[in-house]
Amino acid sequence: MPIAAVPNYLQKQDFSTASPGLRFGMYLQLWGINRRTQERLWETYDITYEVRGQQRQEREVKHENKVSALGNALKLTSSDQSTLKALATRQAHIAQTSSHLLTLDAIATAPFTTGLGNEHPLENGFAFLNPYGLPYLPGSGIKGVLRQAARELASGEWGDTHGWTQEKIHLLERKGERAIELSPIDALFGLESGDGDKEHIRGALSFWDAIPQIEDNSLSVDIMTPHQSHYYQQKKDRKAGDSTTPHDSGQPNPISFLTVPPGTQFAFHVRCDLPHLERLAPDLAHDHRWQELLTAAFTHAFEWLGFGAKTAVGYGAMRKDATAEQRREAERQKAEADECVRLAKEAEEARLATLSPAMQTIETFVADFRARHEKYPNNKENPNAVLHGKARALAKTAHESPDWSAEEKRAAAQTIEHWLPKVVQVDIKDERKKLKLNALKGT
């Protein structure tokens, strides 16, 4: 039974509810023990003793723990899933309230991995977002991929440049110093100074971390098997013929590493510092020009570059998620509609607050009748029901209240005459007599 490299008092703890980052790192149950002596080996295998062979002799048997250790680090608990969703939702809410921001939804068409260069006992690490211990795609990595995509498009070697160019077509004037020439790539991503050059310009774009939404509640394990490790490491090995040249007799060396499975959804958020872009390249700041350029760069990156590690062999490939984009657009439109309703309600409440108590009573009557008429335009209410009673109550109040002015009484009578026959099955001539509306109008 492999153990984690933790103090004795933690050895019997259940780490299954810890985050994947902790289970892959600090609590990785990788280290072996001698199952007979219970001695800790601090190797990646357990040792047992079995009787084997024709002579039926007891022999030492090593059981590799790498696969089981990775298996324990794969699963995303319900808490992990909730946290991933909450992080993505938080980003989406901030994006809705942020100006000058581009959001693109994508879905992974191949496994995705990142942070393989991080030190780890299994030779390949993995990047987890602290303090959550969950997988993510760093914004810095996204920026690097998009910059390379922009360069490739600007080279013209991929057909349509989509407006990207490496020419220094923008001039940044500086008081008392020489002007700096900038390309669109420099203006958006920042100017990378050459050797000995002290000119540094901050780009207008900032890239947020991308939080994956994993469907199957689990990460995955992929395996790469180098057959010429002796050549890559320039190490003589008897099993490889004591040669450092690549050849077919090299010893295969399976190496397991963590990945995010295909089908995982990503939301990319990029914010533009528009005042800064106005200063660097005014034409890119107008008519959403920077968004058009960046969308073209994302499309190229999805198709040809990929994100994360091992992109040269197909990892990190993605495509636009049209379904998610449609859902996000629908949510945006709903949010805008809700905001319009809220503003209209506030405006109406403010208007009502300026009215006299009598006019507020009339406006409440109108609101009730209008709502009923809009909901059932072709279906009138029977006489002596709720709305008919409200009309009688309004007329009675107008007749009996000494605080109502002649103008307010006239308004009440005209409102009843207008709305009552629209909503209730009545003869307005009879109602005019019964409610004494002419008296309210002063006629």
Protein backbone atom coordinates (compact mmCIF):
# COMPACT_ATOMS: atom_id res chain seq x y z
CA MET A 1 0.00 0.00 0.00
CA PRO A 2 1.76 3.21 -1.13
CA ILE A 3 1.95 6.10 1.30
CA ALA A 4 2.19 9.88 1.10
CA ALA A 5 5.25 11.81 2.25
CA VAL A 6 3.51 13.24 5.30
CA PRO A 7 4.11 13.05 9.08
CA ASN A 8 3.15 9.88 10.93
CA TYR A 9 0.01 11.38 12.45
CA LEU A 10 -1.35 11.98 8.93
CA GLN A 11 -0.59 8.55 7.51
CA LYS A 12 -4.04 7.17 8.28
CA GLN A 13 -5.90 10.21 6.97
CA ASP A 14 -8.26 9.91 4.01
CA PHE A 15 -7.01 12.27 1.29
CA SER A 16 -9.81 11.50 -1.18
CA THR A 17 -11.61 14.76 -0.38
CA ALA A 18 -8.49 16.91 -0.88
CA SER A 19 -8.12 18.91 -4.09
CA PRO A 20 -6.43 17.29 -7.11
CA GLY A 21 -3.50 19.66 -6.64
CA LEU A 22 -2.90 18.34 -3.13
CA ARG A 23 -3.45 14.71 -4.10
CA PHE A 24 -0.99 15.10 -6.99
CA GLY A 25 1.52 17.03 -4.92
CA MET A 26 1.80 17.03 -1.14
CA TYR A 27 -0.49 14.05 -0.52
CA LEU A 28 0.61 11.92 -3.49
CA GLN A 29 0.41 8.29 -2.36
CA LEU A 30 3.44 7.20 -4.32
CA TRP A 31 6.12 6.13 -1.90
CA GLY A 32 6.62 2.46 -1.22
CA ILE A 33 7.11 0.34 1.85
CA ASN A 34 8.48 -3.11 2.52
CA ARG A 35 5.28 -4.95 3.28
CA ARG A 36 7.09 -7.49 5.44
CA THR A 37 9.17 -5.17 7.56
CA GLN A 38 6.97 -2.04 7.12
CA GLU A 39 10.16 -0.15 6.36
CA ARG A 40 9.63 3.01 4.29
CA LEU A 41 11.59 2.82 1.08
CA TRP A 42 11.03 6.32 -0.36
CA GLU A 43 11.03 4.71 -3.77
CA THR A 44 8.12 4.57 -6.22
CA TYR A 45 7.43 0.87 -5.57
CA ASP A 46 6.36 -1.48 -2.78
CA ILE A 47 8.29 -4.67 -1.99
CA THR A 48 6.63 -7.99 -1.28
CA TYR A 49 8.05 -11.50 -1.05
CA GLU A 50 6.62 -14.35 -3.10
CA VAL A 51 7.60 -17.96 -3.75
CA ARG A 52 8.34 -18.29 -7.45
CA GLY A 53 10.20 -20.37 -9.98
CA GLN A 54 10.82 -24.08 -10.36
CA GLN A 55 12.89 -24.14 -7.22
CA ARG A 56 10.03 -22.49 -5.33
CA GLN A 57 12.32 -19.97 -3.69
CA GLU A 58 11.09 -16.84 -1.99
CA ARG A 59 11.96 -13.78 -4.03
CA GLU A 60 11.67 -10.05 -3.64
CA VAL A 61 8.97 -8.57 -5.90
CA LYS A 62 8.61 -4.87 -6.67
CA HIS A 63 5.15 -3.38 -7.30
CA GLU A 64 5.25 -0.05 -9.13
CA ASN A 65 3.05 2.65 -7.56
CA LYS A 66 3.07 5.33 -10.27
CA VAL A 67 -0.17 4.28 -11.99
CA SER A 68 -2.13 3.87 -8.75
CA ALA A 69 -0.82 7.17 -7.41
CA LEU A 70 -1.99 9.02 -10.50
CA GLY A 71 -5.31 7.21 -10.33
CA ASN A 72 -5.86 8.58 -6.83
CA ALA A 73 -5.18 12.13 -8.06
CA LEU A 74 -7.61 12.07 -10.99
CA LYS A 75 -11.08 12.39 -9.55
CA LEU A 76 -12.76 15.75 -9.10
CA THR A 77 -15.03 15.72 -6.07
CA SER A 78 -18.39 17.48 -6.04
CA SER A 79 -16.69 20.29 -4.12
CA ASP A 80 -14.03 20.58 -6.85
CA GLN A 81 -16.71 20.73 -9.54
CA SER A 82 -18.62 23.38 -7.61
CA THR A 83 -15.47 25.46 -7.18
CA LEU A 84 -14.60 25.27 -10.88
CA LYS A 85 -18.14 26.34 -11.76
CA ALA A 86 -18.09 29.14 -9.19
CA LEU A 87 -14.77 30.48 -10.51
CA ALA A 88 -16.07 30.49 -14.09
CA THR A 89 -19.33 32.12 -12.99
CA ARG A 90 -17.44 34.79 -11.08
CA GLN A 91 -15.39 35.57 -14.18
CA ALA A 92 -18.55 35.73 -16.30
CA HIS A 93 -20.21 38.17 -13.88
CA ILE A 94 -17.14 40.40 -13.77
CA ALA A 95 -16.97 40.27 -17.56
CA GLN A 96 -20.59 41.45 -17.83
CA THR A 97 -19.82 44.52 -15.75
CA SER A 98 -16.46 45.26 -17.42
CA SER A 99 -16.13 47.52 -20.40
CA HIS A 100 -13.95 46.84 -23.44
CA LEU A 101 -13.76 43.08 -22.91
CA LEU A 102 -13.78 40.22 -25.42
CA THR A 103 -15.09 36.78 -24.42
CA LEU A 104 -14.69 33.67 -26.57
CA ASP A 105 -15.96 30.19 -25.69
CA ALA A 106 -14.04 27.12 -26.82
CA ILE A 107 -14.15 23.37 -26.37
CA ALA A 108 -11.07 21.13 -26.30
CA THR A 109 -10.88 18.68 -29.19
CA ALA A 110 -7.75 16.99 -27.81
CA PRO A 111 -6.28 16.40 -24.35
CA PHE A 112 -4.91 19.51 -22.69
CA THR A 113 -1.98 19.66 -20.30
CA THR A 114 0.19 22.34 -18.82
CA GLY A 115 3.01 22.66 -16.31
CA LEU A 116 4.82 19.47 -17.40
CA GLY A 117 8.12 21.20 -16.66
CA ASN A 118 7.26 21.63 -13.00
CA GLU A 119 9.40 19.46 -10.74
CA HIS A 120 7.63 16.30 -9.63
CA PRO A 121 8.61 12.77 -8.55
CA LEU A 122 6.84 11.38 -11.63
CA GLU A 123 9.11 13.44 -13.94
CA ASN A 124 6.20 15.46 -15.36
CA GLY A 125 4.39 18.00 -13.23
CA PHE A 126 1.09 19.77 -13.74
CA ALA A 127 -0.05 23.35 -13.18
CA PHE A 128 -2.79 23.81 -10.57
CA LEU A 129 -4.43 27.08 -9.59
CA ASN A 130 -3.57 28.06 -6.04
CA PRO A 131 -5.09 28.03 -3.49
CA TYR A 132 -7.81 25.87 -5.04
CA GLY A 133 -5.62 23.05 -6.34
CA LEU A 134 -7.62 22.86 -9.58
CA PRO A 135 -6.46 22.77 -13.22
CA TYR A 136 -6.36 26.00 -15.20
CA LEU A 137 -4.79 27.66 -18.22
CA PRO A 138 -2.68 30.65 -17.10
CA GLY A 139 -3.39 33.98 -18.73
CA SER A 140 0.31 34.43 -19.45
CA GLY A 141 0.28 31.24 -21.53
CA ILE A 142 -2.79 32.41 -23.44
CA LYS A 143 -1.06 35.71 -24.20
CA GLY A 144 2.02 33.91 -25.53
CA VAL A 145 -0.02 31.70 -27.84
CA LEU A 146 -2.06 34.64 -29.15
CA ARG A 147 1.07 36.72 -29.78
CA GLN A 148 2.52 33.84 -31.83
CA ALA A 149 -0.78 33.49 -33.71
CA ALA A 150 -0.69 37.20 -34.54
CA ARG A 151 2.89 36.90 -35.78
CA GLU A 152 2.04 33.96 -38.01
CA LEU A 153 -0.96 35.74 -39.50
CA ALA A 154 1.08 38.92 -40.01
CA SER A 155 3.76 36.96 -41.90
CA GLY A 156 1.29 36.27 -44.71
CA GLU A 157 2.37 32.65 -44.92
CA TRP A 158 -1.05 31.45 -43.75
CA GLY A 159 -3.07 33.24 -46.41
CA ASP A 160 -5.37 36.03 -45.23
CA THR A 161 -3.63 38.22 -42.63
CA HIS A 162 -7.00 39.39 -41.23
CA GLY A 163 -5.49 42.85 -40.75
CA TRP A 164 -2.40 41.79 -38.81
CA THR A 165 0.93 43.26 -39.91
CA GLN A 166 4.44 43.47 -38.49
CA GLU A 167 5.03 46.87 -40.07
CA LYS A 168 5.66 49.76 -37.67
CA ILE A 169 2.62 51.78 -38.73
CA HIS A 170 1.94 53.50 -35.40
CA LEU A 171 4.05 56.28 -33.92
CA LEU A 172 4.11 56.92 -30.17
CA GLU A 173 5.12 60.52 -29.51
CA ARG A 174 6.91 61.22 -26.21
CA LYS A 175 7.68 64.64 -24.85
CA GLY A 176 11.40 65.33 -24.78
CA GLU A 177 12.26 61.87 -26.14
CA ARG A 178 12.37 60.24 -29.52
CA ALA A 179 9.16 58.74 -30.87
CA ILE A 180 8.72 54.95 -30.85
CA GLU A 181 7.44 53.07 -33.88
CA LEU A 182 4.93 50.32 -33.07
CA SER A 183 3.24 47.54 -35.01
CA PRO A 184 -0.30 46.39 -34.11
CA ILE A 185 1.30 43.42 -32.31
CA ASP A 186 3.43 45.81 -30.23
CA ALA A 187 0.43 48.00 -29.38
CA LEU A 188 -1.80 45.12 -28.28
CA PHE A 189 0.70 42.72 -26.70
CA GLY A 190 3.52 45.04 -25.71
CA LEU A 191 6.86 45.94 -27.23
CA GLU A 192 9.57 43.36 -26.65
CA SER A 193 12.86 45.23 -26.54
CA GLY A 194 15.89 43.80 -28.27
CA ASP A 195 19.30 43.19 -26.75
CA GLY A 196 20.54 46.37 -25.12
CA ASP A 197 17.36 48.26 -26.02
CA LYS A 198 15.73 50.09 -23.14
CA GLU A 199 12.42 50.81 -24.85
CA HIS A 200 9.58 48.90 -23.17
CA ILE A 201 5.91 49.49 -23.95
CA ARG A 202 3.06 47.87 -22.05
CA GLY A 203 0.48 46.29 -24.32
CA ALA A 204 -3.19 47.28 -24.17
CA LEU A 205 -4.48 43.73 -23.64
CA SER A 206 -4.67 41.75 -20.41
CA PHE A 207 -5.53 38.04 -20.48
CA TRP A 208 -7.46 36.31 -17.70
CA ASP A 209 -6.80 32.76 -16.57
CA ALA A 210 -9.10 30.23 -18.29
CA ILE A 211 -10.98 27.90 -15.94
CA PRO A 212 -11.85 24.50 -17.51
CA GLN A 213 -15.30 23.02 -17.07
CA ILE A 214 -14.71 19.25 -17.11
CA GLU A 215 -17.65 17.04 -18.04
CA ASP A 216 -16.70 13.64 -16.60
CA ASN A 217 -15.66 14.77 -13.10
CA SER A 218 -12.13 13.47 -13.62
CA LEU A 219 -8.78 14.32 -15.13
CA SER A 220 -7.08 11.79 -17.40
CA VAL A 221 -3.72 10.05 -17.62
CA ASP A 222 -1.76 9.88 -20.86
CA ILE A 223 1.43 7.95 -21.45
CA MET A 224 4.42 8.82 -23.58
CA THR A 225 7.05 6.16 -24.21
CA PRO A 226 10.45 7.44 -25.39
CA HIS A 227 12.44 4.66 -27.07
CA GLN A 228 15.77 6.50 -27.21
CA SER A 229 16.17 7.90 -23.69
CA HIS A 230 19.87 7.06 -23.84
CA TYR A 231 20.18 9.36 -26.87
CA TYR A 232 18.18 12.26 -25.38
CA GLN A 233 20.16 12.06 -22.13
CA GLN A 234 23.46 11.14 -23.83
CA LYS A 235 23.80 8.35 -21.31
CA LYS A 236 25.43 4.99 -21.97
CA ASP A 237 23.23 2.10 -20.91
CA ARG A 238 24.01 -1.59 -21.19
CA LYS A 239 20.40 -2.29 -22.22
CA ALA A 240 20.85 0.17 -25.10
CA GLY A 241 24.15 -1.33 -26.20
CA ASP A 242 26.34 1.21 -24.39
CA SER A 243 25.77 3.65 -27.25
CA THR A 244 24.54 7.24 -27.18
CA THR A 245 23.33 7.20 -30.78
CA PRO A 246 19.63 6.60 -31.55
CA HIS A 247 18.83 3.04 -32.63
CA ASP A 248 16.01 0.50 -32.50
CA SER A 249 17.35 -1.37 -29.49
CA GLY A 250 16.75 1.52 -27.10
CA GLN A 251 14.98 0.71 -23.87
CA PRO A 252 11.32 1.96 -23.87
CA ASN A 253 10.48 4.08 -20.84
CA PRO A 254 6.74 4.66 -20.27
CA ILE A 255 6.07 8.02 -18.60
CA SER A 256 2.59 8.86 -17.29
CA PHE A 257 1.31 12.40 -16.96
CA LEU A 258 -1.94 14.21 -16.14
CA THR A 259 -4.17 15.77 -18.79
CA VAL A 260 -7.53 17.50 -19.02
CA PRO A 261 -9.77 15.32 -21.25
CA PRO A 262 -11.22 16.37 -24.63
CA GLY A 263 -14.68 17.92 -24.49
CA THR A 264 -13.67 20.28 -21.70
CA GLN A 265 -15.09 23.79 -22.06
CA PHE A 266 -13.02 26.97 -21.71
CA ALA A 267 -14.03 30.63 -21.63
CA PHE A 268 -11.34 33.08 -22.72
CA HIS A 269 -11.65 36.65 -21.41
CA VAL A 270 -9.43 39.45 -22.72
CA ARG A 271 -9.70 43.01 -21.48
CA CYS A 272 -8.49 46.02 -23.42
CA ASP A 273 -7.18 49.18 -21.76
CA LEU A 274 -8.88 51.39 -24.33
CA PRO A 275 -7.43 54.77 -23.19
CA HIS A 276 -3.95 53.23 -23.40
CA LEU A 277 -4.71 51.80 -26.84
CA GLU A 278 -6.00 55.22 -27.96
CA ARG A 279 -2.56 56.57 -27.11
CA LEU A 280 -0.63 53.78 -28.82
CA ALA A 281 -2.77 53.03 -31.89
CA PRO A 282 -5.97 55.12 -32.16
CA ASP A 283 -7.28 53.28 -35.23
CA LEU A 284 -7.30 49.94 -33.35
CA ALA A 285 -9.38 51.45 -30.55
CA HIS A 286 -12.24 52.46 -32.87
CA ASP A 287 -15.09 50.37 -34.29
CA HIS A 288 -14.07 47.29 -32.28
CA ARG A 289 -11.01 46.89 -34.51
CA TRP A 290 -8.92 45.32 -31.73
CA GLN A 291 -11.64 42.73 -31.15
CA GLU A 292 -11.68 41.74 -34.82
CA LEU A 293 -7.91 41.26 -34.84
CA LEU A 294 -7.94 39.26 -31.63
CA THR A 295 -10.81 37.03 -32.77
CA ALA A 296 -8.83 36.17 -35.92
CA ALA A 297 -5.78 35.35 -33.77
CA PHE A 298 -7.87 33.08 -31.52
CA THR A 299 -9.30 31.27 -34.55
CA HIS A 300 -5.80 30.66 -35.88
CA ALA A 301 -4.58 29.49 -32.47
CA PHE A 302 -7.50 27.07 -32.10
CA GLU A 303 -6.83 25.52 -35.50
CA TRP A 304 -3.03 25.46 -35.70
CA LEU A 305 -1.26 26.21 -32.43
CA GLY A 306 -3.11 24.83 -29.41
CA PHE A 307 -2.74 25.82 -25.77
CA GLY A 308 -0.63 24.43 -22.97
CA ALA A 309 2.16 21.87 -23.38
CA LYS A 310 2.95 19.27 -26.08
CA THR A 311 1.10 21.24 -28.75
CA ALA A 312 3.56 20.01 -31.38
CA VAL A 313 1.99 16.54 -31.14
CA GLY A 314 -1.61 17.75 -31.09
CA TYR A 315 -2.29 18.49 -27.44
CA GLY A 316 -4.26 21.62 -26.56
CA ALA A 317 -6.22 21.81 -29.82
CA MET A 318 -9.59 23.58 -29.50
CA ARG A 319 -12.49 24.90 -31.51
CA LYS A 320 -15.05 27.61 -30.97
CA ASP A 321 -18.02 26.49 -28.90
CA ALA A 322 -20.95 27.94 -30.83
CA THR A 323 -23.52 26.57 -28.37
CA ALA A 324 -21.83 28.22 -25.41
CA GLU A 325 -21.48 31.49 -27.30
CA GLN A 326 -25.20 31.46 -28.14
CA ARG A 327 -26.05 30.75 -24.51
CA ARG A 328 -23.75 33.54 -23.34
CA GLU A 329 -25.31 35.96 -25.84
CA ALA A 330 -28.79 35.00 -24.67
CA GLU A 331 -27.73 35.58 -21.06
CA ARG A 332 -26.26 38.94 -22.02
CA GLN A 333 -29.45 40.01 -23.78
CA LYS A 334 -31.54 38.84 -20.81
CA ALA A 335 -29.30 40.79 -18.44
CA GLU A 336 -29.69 43.90 -20.61
CA ALA A 337 -33.46 43.43 -20.73
CA ASP A 338 -33.61 42.95 -16.95
CA GLU A 339 -31.55 46.09 -16.49
CA CYS A 340 -33.89 48.05 -18.75
CA VAL A 341 -36.88 46.79 -16.75
CA ARG A 342 -35.17 47.74 -13.51
CA LEU A 343 -34.34 51.24 -14.76
CA ALA A 344 -37.87 51.71 -16.09
CA LYS A 345 -39.30 50.59 -12.75
CA GLU A 346 -37.06 53.00 -10.87
CA ALA A 347 -38.04 55.82 -13.22
CA GLU A 348 -41.72 55.02 -12.75
CA GLU A 349 -41.31 54.91 -8.97
CA ALA A 350 -39.53 58.26 -9.07
CA ARG A 351 -42.32 59.73 -11.21
CA LEU A 352 -45.01 58.42 -8.87
CA ALA A 353 -43.18 59.92 -5.91
CA THR A 354 -43.69 63.39 -7.42
CA LEU A 355 -47.46 62.92 -7.74
CA SER A 356 -50.10 63.82 -5.20
CA PRO A 357 -51.71 61.00 -3.19
CA ALA A 358 -54.84 61.28 -5.35
CA MET A 359 -52.88 60.95 -8.62
CA GLN A 360 -50.90 58.04 -7.16
CA THR A 361 -54.20 56.25 -6.46
CA ILE A 362 -55.30 56.85 -10.06
CA GLU A 363 -51.94 55.64 -11.43
CA THR A 364 -52.21 52.43 -9.38
CA PHE A 365 -55.69 51.86 -10.82
CA VAL A 366 -54.36 52.36 -14.37
CA ALA A 367 -51.45 49.96 -13.77
CA ASP A 368 -53.79 47.19 -12.59
CA PHE A 369 -56.17 47.57 -15.53
CA ARG A 370 -53.35 47.88 -18.09
CA ALA A 371 -51.68 44.71 -16.81
CA ARG A 372 -54.99 42.78 -17.08
CA HIS A 373 -55.68 44.12 -20.55
CA GLU A 374 -52.17 43.29 -21.85
CA LYS A 375 -52.36 39.77 -20.46
CA TYR A 376 -55.88 39.02 -21.73
CA PRO A 377 -56.62 41.53 -24.53
CA ASN A 378 -59.56 39.55 -25.89
CA ASN A 379 -61.03 38.27 -22.64
CA LYS A 380 -62.96 40.70 -20.46
CA GLU A 381 -63.70 40.11 -16.79
CA ASN A 382 -67.28 39.45 -15.66
CA PRO A 383 -69.17 42.26 -13.92
CA ASN A 384 -68.97 42.63 -10.15
CA ALA A 385 -65.56 40.91 -10.03
CA VAL A 386 -62.28 42.29 -8.65
CA LEU A 387 -61.54 44.99 -11.22
CA HIS A 388 -65.12 46.19 -11.35
CA GLY A 389 -64.90 46.60 -7.59
CA LYS A 390 -61.70 48.66 -7.95
CA ALA A 391 -63.47 51.02 -10.35
CA ARG A 392 -66.34 51.51 -7.87
CA ALA A 393 -63.84 52.08 -5.05
CA LEU A 394 -61.98 54.73 -7.06
CA ALA A 395 -65.18 56.57 -7.89
CA LYS A 396 -66.31 56.44 -4.26
CA THR A 397 -62.96 57.75 -3.03
CA ALA A 398 -63.06 60.60 -5.55
CA HIS A 399 -66.57 61.56 -4.45
CA GLU A 400 -65.95 61.39 -0.71
CA SER A 401 -62.38 62.65 -0.27
CA PRO A 402 -62.32 66.35 0.59
CA ASP A 403 -58.63 66.62 -0.33
CA TRP A 404 -59.17 65.80 -4.00
CA SER A 405 -59.13 68.77 -6.35
CA ALA A 406 -61.62 69.21 -9.17
CA GLU A 407 -58.87 68.35 -11.68
CA GLU A 408 -58.04 65.12 -9.82
CA LYS A 409 -61.71 64.10 -9.68
CA ARG A 410 -62.04 64.78 -13.40
CA ALA A 411 -58.95 62.62 -14.04
CA ALA A 412 -60.46 59.77 -11.99
CA ALA A 413 -63.72 59.89 -13.98
CA GLN A 414 -61.93 59.96 -17.33
CA THR A 415 -59.68 57.05 -16.29
CA ILE A 416 -62.67 54.91 -15.29
CA GLU A 417 -64.48 55.72 -18.55
CA HIS A 418 -61.41 54.75 -20.55
CA TRP A 419 -60.31 51.55 -18.82
CA LEU A 420 -63.47 49.97 -17.38
CA PRO A 421 -65.09 48.96 -20.71
CA LYS A 422 -61.72 47.67 -21.99
CA VAL A 423 -61.38 45.13 -19.19
CA VAL A 424 -64.87 44.47 -17.75
CA GLN A 425 -68.08 43.43 -19.55
CA VAL A 426 -70.14 46.52 -18.72
CA ASP A 427 -72.26 49.15 -20.45
CA ILE A 428 -70.28 52.33 -19.86
CA LYS A 429 -73.44 54.47 -20.13
CA ASP A 430 -75.00 52.61 -17.20
CA GLU A 431 -71.75 52.73 -15.26
CA ARG A 432 -71.44 56.46 -15.90
CA LYS A 433 -74.80 56.94 -14.18
CA LYS A 434 -74.22 54.45 -11.35
CA LEU A 435 -70.80 55.86 -10.49
CA LYS A 436 -71.88 59.47 -11.06
CA LEU A 437 -68.90 60.12 -13.32
CA ASN A 438 -70.44 63.29 -14.81
CA ALA A 439 -70.57 64.79 -11.34
CA LEU A 440 -66.87 64.05 -10.93
CA LYS A 441 -66.19 65.77 -14.24
CA GLY A 442 -68.22 68.77 -13.15
CA THR A 443 -70.75 68.45 -15.95
